Each structure stands twice: as structure tokens, then as C-alpha cells.
Amino acid sequence: ETIEQEFAELARKAIAQVEKTGKEYWLKELNPRDRRFVHMEIAKHDTVESRSEGQGRNRRLCIYPV
């Protein structure tokens, strides 16, 4: 399994959680490359969007319902 596949799977699990609960879901701190993989997977779905917040090492990714 590649790193891209690993983070795509992480994104899919987070998407399922957001769709189930209707609440935003925060991922742990990820490096810029890994956040990019997650953002790319999120972009494939119409029911959720993502944003990054914070600075430097404290930057986190939020997945939220549309």
C-alpha cells in the first residue's frame, strides 16, 4: 500500500464519520504532503469539504459537511 493509498483510506474513514454524524472531523497534525493527499481525496466527494487551519507544526485538517 502506498502512502497515497494510506491517506486516501484515512480520508474515506473521516468522510464516513462526517456523513454519519453531520459534524466536522479534525485530523491530527499532518505534514503538507500528507494533507495534500487527504484534500485531494475529499475533493472527489460532493458531501464534504476540507480546510487546513493553524500554523507550522500545529496545522490541522478539518473535514466538514457541505
C-alpha atoms as a PDB file:
ATOM      1  CA  GLU A   1       0.000   0.000   0.000  1.00  0.00           C
ATOM      2  CA  THR A   2       1.414   3.367  -0.985  1.00  0.00           C
ATOM      3  CA  ILE A   3       1.387   6.459   1.199  1.00  0.00           C
ATOM      4  CA  GLU A   4      -1.215   7.968  -1.141  1.00  0.00           C
ATOM      5  CA  GLN A   5      -3.478   4.965  -0.646  1.00  0.00           C
ATOM      6  CA  GLU A   6      -2.987   5.086   3.111  1.00  0.00           C
ATOM      7  CA  PHE A   7      -4.075   8.720   3.333  1.00  0.00           C
ATOM      8  CA  ALA A   8      -6.913   8.198   0.854  1.00  0.00           C
ATOM      9  CA  GLU A   9      -8.216   5.484   3.185  1.00  0.00           C
ATOM     10  CA  LEU A  10      -7.838   7.820   6.173  1.00  0.00           C
ATOM     11  CA  ALA A  11      -9.842  10.435   4.261  1.00  0.00           C
ATOM     12  CA  ARG A  12     -12.590   7.935   3.356  1.00  0.00           C
ATOM     13  CA  LYS A  13     -12.980   6.922   7.007  1.00  0.00           C
ATOM     14  CA  ALA A  14     -13.197  10.576   8.048  1.00  0.00           C
ATOM     15  CA  ILE A  15     -15.747  11.257   5.282  1.00  0.00           C
ATOM     16  CA  ALA A  16     -17.897   8.380   6.534  1.00  0.00           C
ATOM     17  CA  GLN A  17     -17.731   9.801  10.065  1.00  0.00           C
ATOM     18  CA  VAL A  18     -18.757  13.287   8.896  1.00  0.00           C
ATOM     19  CA  GLU A  19     -21.595  11.900   6.789  1.00  0.00           C
ATOM     20  CA  LYS A  20     -22.810   9.775   9.707  1.00  0.00           C
ATOM     21  CA  THR A  21     -22.689  12.492  12.374  1.00  0.00           C
ATOM     22  CA  GLY A  22     -23.140  15.665  10.331  1.00  0.00           C
ATOM     23  CA  LYS A  23     -20.311  17.206  12.382  1.00  0.00           C
ATOM     24  CA  GLU A  24     -16.854  18.362  11.407  1.00  0.00           C
ATOM     25  CA  TYR A  25     -13.961  15.992  11.966  1.00  0.00           C
ATOM     26  CA  TRP A  26     -10.405  17.113  12.744  1.00  0.00           C
ATOM     27  CA  LEU A  27      -7.393  15.060  11.710  1.00  0.00           C
ATOM     28  CA  LYS A  28      -4.162  15.027  13.661  1.00  0.00           C
ATOM     29  CA  GLU A  29      -1.271  17.168  12.540  1.00  0.00           C
ATOM     30  CA  LEU A  30      -0.073  16.049   9.108  1.00  0.00           C
ATOM     31  CA  ASN A  31       2.846  17.235   7.052  1.00  0.00           C
ATOM     32  CA  PRO A  32       1.982  19.301   3.948  1.00  0.00           C
ATOM     33  CA  ARG A  33       2.351  16.372   1.541  1.00  0.00           C
ATOM     34  CA  ASP A  34       0.017  14.149   3.555  1.00  0.00           C
ATOM     35  CA  ARG A  35      -2.556  16.934   3.977  1.00  0.00           C
ATOM     36  CA  ARG A  36      -2.495  17.340   0.200  1.00  0.00           C
ATOM     37  CA  PHE A  37      -3.339  13.640  -0.285  1.00  0.00           C
ATOM     38  CA  VAL A  38      -6.307  13.996   2.077  1.00  0.00           C
ATOM     39  CA  HIS A  39      -7.518  17.238   0.447  1.00  0.00           C
ATOM     40  CA  MET A  40      -7.349  15.538  -2.988  1.00  0.00           C
ATOM     41  CA  GLU A  41      -9.493  12.622  -1.781  1.00  0.00           C
ATOM     42  CA  ILE A  42     -12.002  14.980  -0.124  1.00  0.00           C
ATOM     43  CA  ALA A  43     -12.325  16.938  -3.380  1.00  0.00           C
ATOM     44  CA  LYS A  44     -13.768  13.804  -5.052  1.00  0.00           C
ATOM     45  CA  HIS A  45     -16.829  13.900  -2.768  1.00  0.00           C
ATOM     46  CA  ASP A  46     -19.820  16.234  -3.004  1.00  0.00           C
ATOM     47  CA  THR A  47     -20.998  15.804   0.585  1.00  0.00           C
ATOM     48  CA  VAL A  48     -17.904  17.143   2.378  1.00  0.00           C
ATOM     49  CA  GLU A  49     -15.207  19.786   2.085  1.00  0.00           C
ATOM     50  CA  SER A  50     -11.899  20.310   3.837  1.00  0.00           C
ATOM     51  CA  ARG A  51      -9.783  23.140   5.134  1.00  0.00           C
ATOM     52  CA  SER A  52      -6.466  23.463   6.927  1.00  0.00           C
ATOM     53  CA  GLU A  53      -6.080  25.686   9.959  1.00  0.00           C
ATOM     54  CA  GLY A  54      -3.180  26.629  12.170  1.00  0.00           C
ATOM     55  CA  GLN A  55       0.454  27.446  11.616  1.00  0.00           C
ATOM     56  CA  GLY A  56       3.555  25.340  11.123  1.00  0.00           C
ATOM     57  CA  ARG A  57       3.626  22.080  13.027  1.00  0.00           C
ATOM     58  CA  ASN A  58       0.234  22.855  14.562  1.00  0.00           C
ATOM     59  CA  ARG A  59      -1.573  22.985  11.199  1.00  0.00           C
ATOM     60  CA  ARG A  60      -4.542  20.601  11.225  1.00  0.00           C
ATOM     61  CA  LEU A  61      -7.048  19.493   8.646  1.00  0.00           C
ATOM     62  CA  CYS A  62     -10.799  19.744   9.158  1.00  0.00           C
ATOM     63  CA  ILE A  63     -13.354  17.797   7.159  1.00  0.00           C
ATOM     64  CA  TYR A  64     -16.882  19.164   7.365  1.00  0.00           C
ATOM     65  CA  PRO A  65     -20.290  18.610   5.747  1.00  0.00           C
ATOM     66  CA  VAL A  66     -21.331  20.815   2.844  1.00  0.00           C
END
